[in-house]
Structure formats: structure tokens, C-alpha cells
PDB file of all heavy atoms in Angstrom:
ATOM      1  N   ALA A   1       0.830  -1.207   0.000  1.00  0.00           N
ATOM      2  CA  ALA A   1       0.000   0.000   0.000  1.00  0.00           C
ATOM      3  C   ALA A   1       0.863   1.254   0.000  1.00  0.00           C
ATOM      4  O   ALA A   1       0.595   2.209  -0.741  1.00  0.00           O
ATOM      5  CB  ALA A   1      -0.923  -0.004   1.222  1.00  0.00           C
ATOM      6  N   LYS A   2       1.926   1.243   0.806  1.00  0.00           N
ATOM      7  CA  LYS A   2       2.795   2.420   0.877  1.00  0.00           C
ATOM      8  C   LYS A   2       3.504   2.671  -0.442  1.00  0.00           C
ATOM      9  O   LYS A   2       3.657   3.828  -0.873  1.00  0.00           O
ATOM     10  CB  LYS A   2       3.810   2.245   2.013  1.00  0.00           C
ATOM     11  CG  LYS A   2       3.182   2.285   3.396  1.00  0.00           C
ATOM     12  CD  LYS A   2       4.183   1.923   4.475  1.00  0.00           C
ATOM     13  CE  LYS A   2       3.522   1.857   5.840  1.00  0.00           C
ATOM     14  NZ  LYS A   2       4.456   1.428   6.901  1.00  0.00           N
ATOM     15  N   GLU A   3       3.935   1.608  -1.105  1.00  0.00           N
ATOM     16  CA  GLU A   3       4.595   1.783  -2.400  1.00  0.00           C
ATOM     17  C   GLU A   3       3.627   2.368  -3.428  1.00  0.00           C
ATOM     18  O   GLU A   3       3.998   3.258  -4.215  1.00  0.00           O
ATOM     19  CB  GLU A   3       5.147   0.446  -2.884  1.00  0.00           C
ATOM     20  CG  GLU A   3       6.339  -0.039  -2.072  1.00  0.00           C
ATOM     21  CD  GLU A   3       6.731  -1.473  -2.387  1.00  0.00           C
ATOM     22  OE1 GLU A   3       6.082  -2.064  -3.289  1.00  0.00           O
ATOM     23  OE2 GLU A   3       7.666  -1.988  -1.752  1.00  0.00           O
ATOM     24  N   ALA A   4       2.378   1.883  -3.413  1.00  0.00           N
ATOM     25  CA  ALA A   4       1.378   2.411  -4.345  1.00  0.00           C
ATOM     26  C   ALA A   4       1.080   3.881  -4.038  1.00  0.00           C
ATOM     27  O   ALA A   4       0.952   4.705  -4.955  1.00  0.00           O
ATOM     28  CB  ALA A   4       0.102   1.577  -4.258  1.00  0.00           C
ATOM     29  N   ILE A   5       0.969   4.210  -2.756  1.00  0.00           N
ATOM     30  CA  ILE A   5       0.736   5.599  -2.355  1.00  0.00           C
ATOM     31  C   ILE A   5       1.908   6.474  -2.786  1.00  0.00           C
ATOM     32  O   ILE A   5       1.726   7.596  -3.276  1.00  0.00           O
ATOM     33  CB  ILE A   5       0.526   5.679  -0.831  1.00  0.00           C
ATOM     34  CG1 ILE A   5      -0.810   5.033  -0.455  1.00  0.00           C
ATOM     35  CG2 ILE A   5       0.583   7.129  -0.335  1.00  0.00           C
ATOM     36  CD1 ILE A   5      -0.950   4.760   1.033  1.00  0.00           C
ATOM     37  N   GLY A   6       3.125   5.965  -2.596  1.00  0.00           N
ATOM     38  CA  GLY A   6       4.309   6.721  -2.993  1.00  0.00           C
ATOM     39  C   GLY A   6       4.287   7.063  -4.467  1.00  0.00           C
ATOM     40  O   GLY A   6       4.563   8.207  -4.862  1.00  0.00           O
ATOM     41  N   ARG A   7       3.939   6.089  -5.301  1.00  0.00           N
ATOM     42  CA  ARG A   7       3.887   6.332  -6.748  1.00  0.00           C
ATOM     43  C   ARG A   7       2.788   7.341  -7.105  1.00  0.00           C
ATOM     44  O   ARG A   7       2.989   8.224  -7.939  1.00  0.00           O
ATOM     45  CB  ARG A   7       3.668   5.023  -7.492  1.00  0.00           C
ATOM     46  CG  ARG A   7       4.847   4.052  -7.425  1.00  0.00           C
ATOM     47  CD  ARG A   7       4.666   2.889  -8.379  1.00  0.00           C
ATOM     48  NE  ARG A   7       3.517   2.062  -8.034  1.00  0.00           N
ATOM     49  CZ  ARG A   7       3.569   1.002  -7.223  1.00  0.00           C
ATOM     50  NH1 ARG A   7       4.720   0.648  -6.669  1.00  0.00           N
ATOM     51  NH2 ARG A   7       2.486   0.278  -6.971  1.00  0.00           N
ATOM     52  N   ALA A   8       1.621   7.194  -6.463  1.00  0.00           N
ATOM     53  CA  ALA A   8       0.517   8.102  -6.761  1.00  0.00           C
ATOM     54  C   ALA A   8       0.841   9.532  -6.337  1.00  0.00           C
ATOM     55  O   ALA A   8       0.505  10.496  -7.039  1.00  0.00           O
ATOM     56  CB  ALA A   8      -0.757   7.619  -6.064  1.00  0.00           C
ATOM     57  N   CYS A   9       1.502   9.668  -5.192  1.00  0.00           N
ATOM     58  CA  CYS A   9       1.884  11.005  -4.740  1.00  0.00           C
ATOM     59  C   CYS A   9       2.952  11.606  -5.648  1.00  0.00           C
ATOM     60  O   CYS A   9       2.877  12.782  -6.019  1.00  0.00           O
ATOM     61  CB  CYS A   9       2.375  10.946  -3.298  1.00  0.00           C
ATOM     62  SG  CYS A   9       2.845  12.556  -2.632  1.00  0.00           S
ATOM     63  N   ALA A  10       3.948  10.799  -6.012  1.00  0.00           N
ATOM     64  CA  ALA A  10       5.020  11.295  -6.881  1.00  0.00           C
ATOM     65  C   ALA A  10       4.468  11.793  -8.206  1.00  0.00           C
ATOM     66  O   ALA A  10       5.013  12.733  -8.801  1.00  0.00           O
ATOM     67  CB  ALA A  10       6.057  10.199  -7.095  1.00  0.00           C
ATOM     68  N   ALA A  11       3.381  11.167  -8.676  1.00  0.00           N
ATOM     69  CA  ALA A  11       2.777  11.588  -9.943  1.00  0.00           C
ATOM     70  C   ALA A  11       2.178  12.990  -9.849  1.00  0.00           C
ATOM     71  O   ALA A  11       1.960  13.648 -10.882  1.00  0.00           O
ATOM     72  CB  ALA A  11       1.704  10.596 -10.366  1.00  0.00           C
ATOM     73  N   LEU A  12       1.904  13.467  -8.637  1.00  0.00           N
ATOM     74  CA  LEU A  12       1.359  14.813  -8.448  1.00  0.00           C
ATOM     75  C   LEU A  12       2.442  15.885  -8.443  1.00  0.00           C
ATOM     76  O   LEU A  12       2.129  17.081  -8.489  1.00  0.00           O
ATOM     77  CB  LEU A  12       0.592  14.885  -7.119  1.00  0.00           C
ATOM     78  CG  LEU A  12      -0.557  13.902  -6.909  1.00  0.00           C
ATOM     79  CD1 LEU A  12      -1.128  14.066  -5.511  1.00  0.00           C
ATOM     80  CD2 LEU A  12      -1.633  14.101  -7.962  1.00  0.00           C
ATOM     81  N   ILE A  13       3.705  15.469  -8.360  1.00  0.00           N
ATOM     82  CA  ILE A  13       4.817  16.403  -8.191  1.00  0.00           C
ATOM     83  C   ILE A  13       5.619  16.472  -9.483  1.00  0.00           C
ATOM     84  O   ILE A  13       6.241  15.484  -9.880  1.00  0.00           O
ATOM     85  CB  ILE A  13       5.706  15.961  -7.012  1.00  0.00           C
ATOM     86  CG1 ILE A  13       4.878  15.974  -5.719  1.00  0.00           C
ATOM     87  CG2 ILE A  13       6.925  16.867  -6.895  1.00  0.00           C
ATOM     88  CD1 ILE A  13       5.571  15.342  -4.545  1.00  0.00           C
ATOM     89  N   PRO A  14       5.614  17.602 -10.177  1.00  0.00           N
ATOM     90  CA  PRO A  14       6.349  17.695 -11.438  1.00  0.00           C
ATOM     91  C   PRO A  14       7.844  17.895 -11.216  1.00  0.00           C
ATOM     92  O   PRO A  14       8.291  18.241 -10.104  1.00  0.00           O
ATOM     93  CB  PRO A  14       5.732  18.930 -12.105  1.00  0.00           C
ATOM     94  CG  PRO A  14       5.265  19.775 -10.964  1.00  0.00           C
ATOM     95  CD  PRO A  14       4.849  18.824  -9.871  1.00  0.00           C
ATOM     96  N   ASP A  15       8.610  17.646 -12.258  1.00  0.00           N
ATOM     97  CA  ASP A  15      10.028  18.004 -12.224  1.00  0.00           C
ATOM     98  C   ASP A  15      10.166  19.501 -11.947  1.00  0.00           C
ATOM     99  O   ASP A  15       9.232  20.283 -12.135  1.00  0.00           O
ATOM    100  CB  ASP A  15      10.686  17.665 -13.562  1.00  0.00           C
ATOM    101  CG  ASP A  15      10.788  16.169 -13.817  1.00  0.00           C
ATOM    102  OD1 ASP A  15      10.678  15.389 -12.847  1.00  0.00           O
ATOM    103  OD2 ASP A  15      10.966  15.792 -14.991  1.00  0.00           O
ATOM    104  N   ASN A  16      11.359  19.896 -11.492  1.00  0.00           N
ATOM    105  CA  ASN A  16      11.655  21.308 -11.232  1.00  0.00           C
ATOM    106  C   ASN A  16      10.796  21.882 -10.106  1.00  0.00           C
ATOM    107  O   ASN A  16      10.454  23.069 -10.125  1.00  0.00           O
ATOM    108  CB  ASN A  16      11.477  22.144 -12.500  1.00  0.00           C
ATOM    109  CG  ASN A  16      12.324  21.646 -13.648  1.00  0.00           C
ATOM    110  OD1 ASN A  16      13.550  21.639 -13.573  1.00  0.00           O
ATOM    111  ND2 ASN A  16      11.672  21.179 -14.706  1.00  0.00           N
ATOM    112  N   SER A  17      10.441  21.027  -9.137  1.00  0.00           N
ATOM    113  CA  SER A  17       9.632  21.460  -8.000  1.00  0.00           C
ATOM    114  C   SER A  17      10.466  21.507  -6.729  1.00  0.00           C
ATOM    115  O   SER A  17      11.535  20.904  -6.641  1.00  0.00           O
ATOM    116  CB  SER A  17       8.455  20.504  -7.782  1.00  0.00           C
ATOM    117  OG  SER A  17       7.580  20.498  -8.860  1.00  0.00           O
ATOM    118  N   SER A  18       9.920  22.205  -5.741  1.00  0.00           N
ATOM    119  CA  SER A  18      10.497  22.189  -4.397  1.00  0.00           C
ATOM    120  C   SER A  18       9.471  21.593  -3.448  1.00  0.00           C
ATOM    121  O   SER A  18       8.261  21.798  -3.616  1.00  0.00           O
ATOM    122  CB  SER A  18      10.880  23.595  -3.941  1.00  0.00           C
ATOM    123  OG  SER A  18       9.745  24.456  -3.944  1.00  0.00           O
ATOM    124  N   LEU A  19       9.949  20.824  -2.480  1.00  0.00           N
ATOM    125  CA  LEU A  19       9.016  20.195  -1.549  1.00  0.00           C
ATOM    126  C   LEU A  19       9.692  19.895  -0.229  1.00  0.00           C
ATOM    127  O   LEU A  19      10.922  19.853  -0.135  1.00  0.00           O
ATOM    128  CB  LEU A  19       8.437  18.914  -2.133  1.00  0.00           C
ATOM    129  CG  LEU A  19       9.382  17.735  -2.432  1.00  0.00           C
ATOM    130  CD1 LEU A  19       8.644  16.406  -2.282  1.00  0.00           C
ATOM    131  CD2 LEU A  19       9.928  17.840  -3.851  1.00  0.00           C
ATOM    132  N   ILE A  20       8.846  19.681   0.791  1.00  0.00           N
ATOM    133  CA  ILE A  20       9.295  19.223   2.099  1.00  0.00           C
ATOM    134  C   ILE A  20       8.646  17.879   2.373  1.00  0.00           C
ATOM    135  O   ILE A  20       7.436  17.713   2.205  1.00  0.00           O
ATOM    136  CB  ILE A  20       8.930  20.206   3.227  1.00  0.00           C
ATOM    137  CG1 ILE A  20       9.492  21.602   2.959  1.00  0.00           C
ATOM    138  CG2 ILE A  20       9.456  19.690   4.567  1.00  0.00           C
ATOM    139  CD1 ILE A  20       9.098  22.639   3.999  1.00  0.00           C
ATOM    140  N   LEU A  21       9.456  16.906   2.776  1.00  0.00           N
ATOM    141  CA  LEU A  21       8.974  15.581   3.175  1.00  0.00           C
ATOM    142  C   LEU A  21       9.250  15.399   4.664  1.00  0.00           C
ATOM    143  O   LEU A  21      10.373  15.624   5.117  1.00  0.00           O
ATOM    144  CB  LEU A  21       9.686  14.485   2.385  1.00  0.00           C
ATOM    145  CG  LEU A  21       9.327  14.335   0.908  1.00  0.00           C
ATOM    146  CD1 LEU A  21      10.308  13.390   0.231  1.00  0.00           C
ATOM    147  CD2 LEU A  21       7.918  13.810   0.750  1.00  0.00           C
ATOM    148  N   ASN A  22       8.244  14.960   5.418  1.00  0.00           N
ATOM    149  CA  ASN A  22       8.467  14.832   6.858  1.00  0.00           C
ATOM    150  C   ASN A  22       8.765  13.394   7.261  1.00  0.00           C
ATOM    151  O   ASN A  22       9.084  12.547   6.430  1.00  0.00           O
ATOM    152  CB  ASN A  22       7.294  15.430   7.645  1.00  0.00           C
ATOM    153  CG  ASN A  22       6.105  14.500   7.799  1.00  0.00           C
ATOM    154  OD1 ASN A  22       5.889  13.598   6.996  1.00  0.00           O
ATOM    155  ND2 ASN A  22       5.313  14.726   8.836  1.00  0.00           N
ATOM    156  N   ILE A  23       8.665  13.105   8.542  1.00  0.00           N
ATOM    157  CA  ILE A  23       9.028  11.815   9.103  1.00  0.00           C
ATOM    158  C   ILE A  23       7.952  10.781   8.780  1.00  0.00           C
ATOM    159  O   ILE A  23       6.764  11.079   8.824  1.00  0.00           O
ATOM    160  CB  ILE A  23       9.181  11.929  10.634  1.00  0.00           C
ATOM    161  CG1 ILE A  23      10.252  12.967  10.988  1.00  0.00           C
ATOM    162  CG2 ILE A  23       9.519  10.588  11.256  1.00  0.00           C
ATOM    163  CD1 ILE A  23      10.267  13.337  12.461  1.00  0.00           C
ATOM    164  N   GLY A  24       8.375   9.559   8.465  1.00  0.00           N
ATOM    165  CA  GLY A  24       7.412   8.483   8.309  1.00  0.00           C
ATOM    166  C   GLY A  24       7.809   7.480   7.248  1.00  0.00           C
ATOM    167  O   GLY A  24       8.524   7.801   6.296  1.00  0.00           O
ATOM    168  N   THR A  25       7.323   6.269   7.398  1.00  0.00           N
ATOM    169  CA  THR A  25       7.640   5.230   6.429  1.00  0.00           C
ATOM    170  C   THR A  25       6.909   5.451   5.110  1.00  0.00           C
ATOM    171  O   THR A  25       7.393   5.026   4.058  1.00  0.00           O
ATOM    172  CB  THR A  25       7.282   3.845   6.992  1.00  0.00           C
ATOM    173  OG1 THR A  25       5.908   3.814   7.388  1.00  0.00           O
ATOM    174  CG2 THR A  25       8.136   3.521   8.217  1.00  0.00           C
ATOM    175  N   THR A  26       5.759   6.119   5.128  1.00  0.00           N
ATOM    176  CA  THR A  26       5.042   6.390   3.879  1.00  0.00           C
ATOM    177  C   THR A  26       5.716   7.516   3.107  1.00  0.00           C
ATOM    178  O   THR A  26       5.803   7.457   1.872  1.00  0.00           O
ATOM    179  CB  THR A  26       3.567   6.719   4.153  1.00  0.00           C
ATOM    180  OG1 THR A  26       2.995   5.723   4.990  1.00  0.00           O
ATOM    181  CG2 THR A  26       2.776   6.771   2.852  1.00  0.00           C
ATOM    182  N   THR A  27       6.215   8.525   3.794  1.00  0.00           N
ATOM    183  CA  THR A  27       6.953   9.579   3.086  1.00  0.00           C
ATOM    184  C   THR A  27       8.257   9.025   2.513  1.00  0.00           C
ATOM    185  O   THR A  27       8.733   9.504   1.480  1.00  0.00           O
ATOM    186  CB  THR A  27       7.235  10.782   3.999  1.00  0.00           C
ATOM    187  OG1 THR A  27       7.844  10.350   5.219  1.00  0.00           O
ATOM    188  CG2 THR A  27       5.949  11.539   4.316  1.00  0.00           C
ATOM    189  N   GLU A  28       8.821   8.012   3.149  1.00  0.00           N
ATOM    190  CA  GLU A  28       9.995   7.355   2.569  1.00  0.00           C
ATOM    191  C   GLU A  28       9.633   6.656   1.260  1.00  0.00           C
ATOM    192  O   GLU A  28      10.420   6.646   0.308  1.00  0.00           O
ATOM    193  CB  GLU A  28      10.589   6.362   3.568  1.00  0.00           C
ATOM    194  CG  GLU A  28      11.238   7.043   4.763  1.00  0.00           C
ATOM    195  CD  GLU A  28      11.668   6.063   5.827  1.00  0.00           C
ATOM    196  OE1 GLU A  28      11.918   4.887   5.489  1.00  0.00           O
ATOM    197  OE2 GLU A  28      11.740   6.464   7.007  1.00  0.00           O
ATOM    198  N   ALA A  29       8.429   6.078   1.194  1.00  0.00           N
ATOM    199  CA  ALA A  29       7.963   5.471  -0.052  1.00  0.00           C
ATOM    200  C   ALA A  29       7.799   6.527  -1.139  1.00  0.00           C
ATOM    201  O   ALA A  29       8.096   6.281  -2.311  1.00  0.00           O
ATOM    202  CB  ALA A  29       6.646   4.736   0.179  1.00  0.00           C
TER     203      ALA A  29
END
């Protein structure tokens, strides 16, 4: 589930972006 969530979230983030990722095993995905 975490890997699928990671892919779906990454699809929302375009190249040339800035972001903050916090603590957690899902944010690691």
C-alpha cells in the first residue's frame, strides 16, 4: 500500500519542483 501511495503522490509532483517531506515510512515510499 505504501509503495502504491508513494507512486501516486510522486505523480502529483512535477520536475523542477520544491518540496518538504516529513518523518514516516510512507513519506519514505
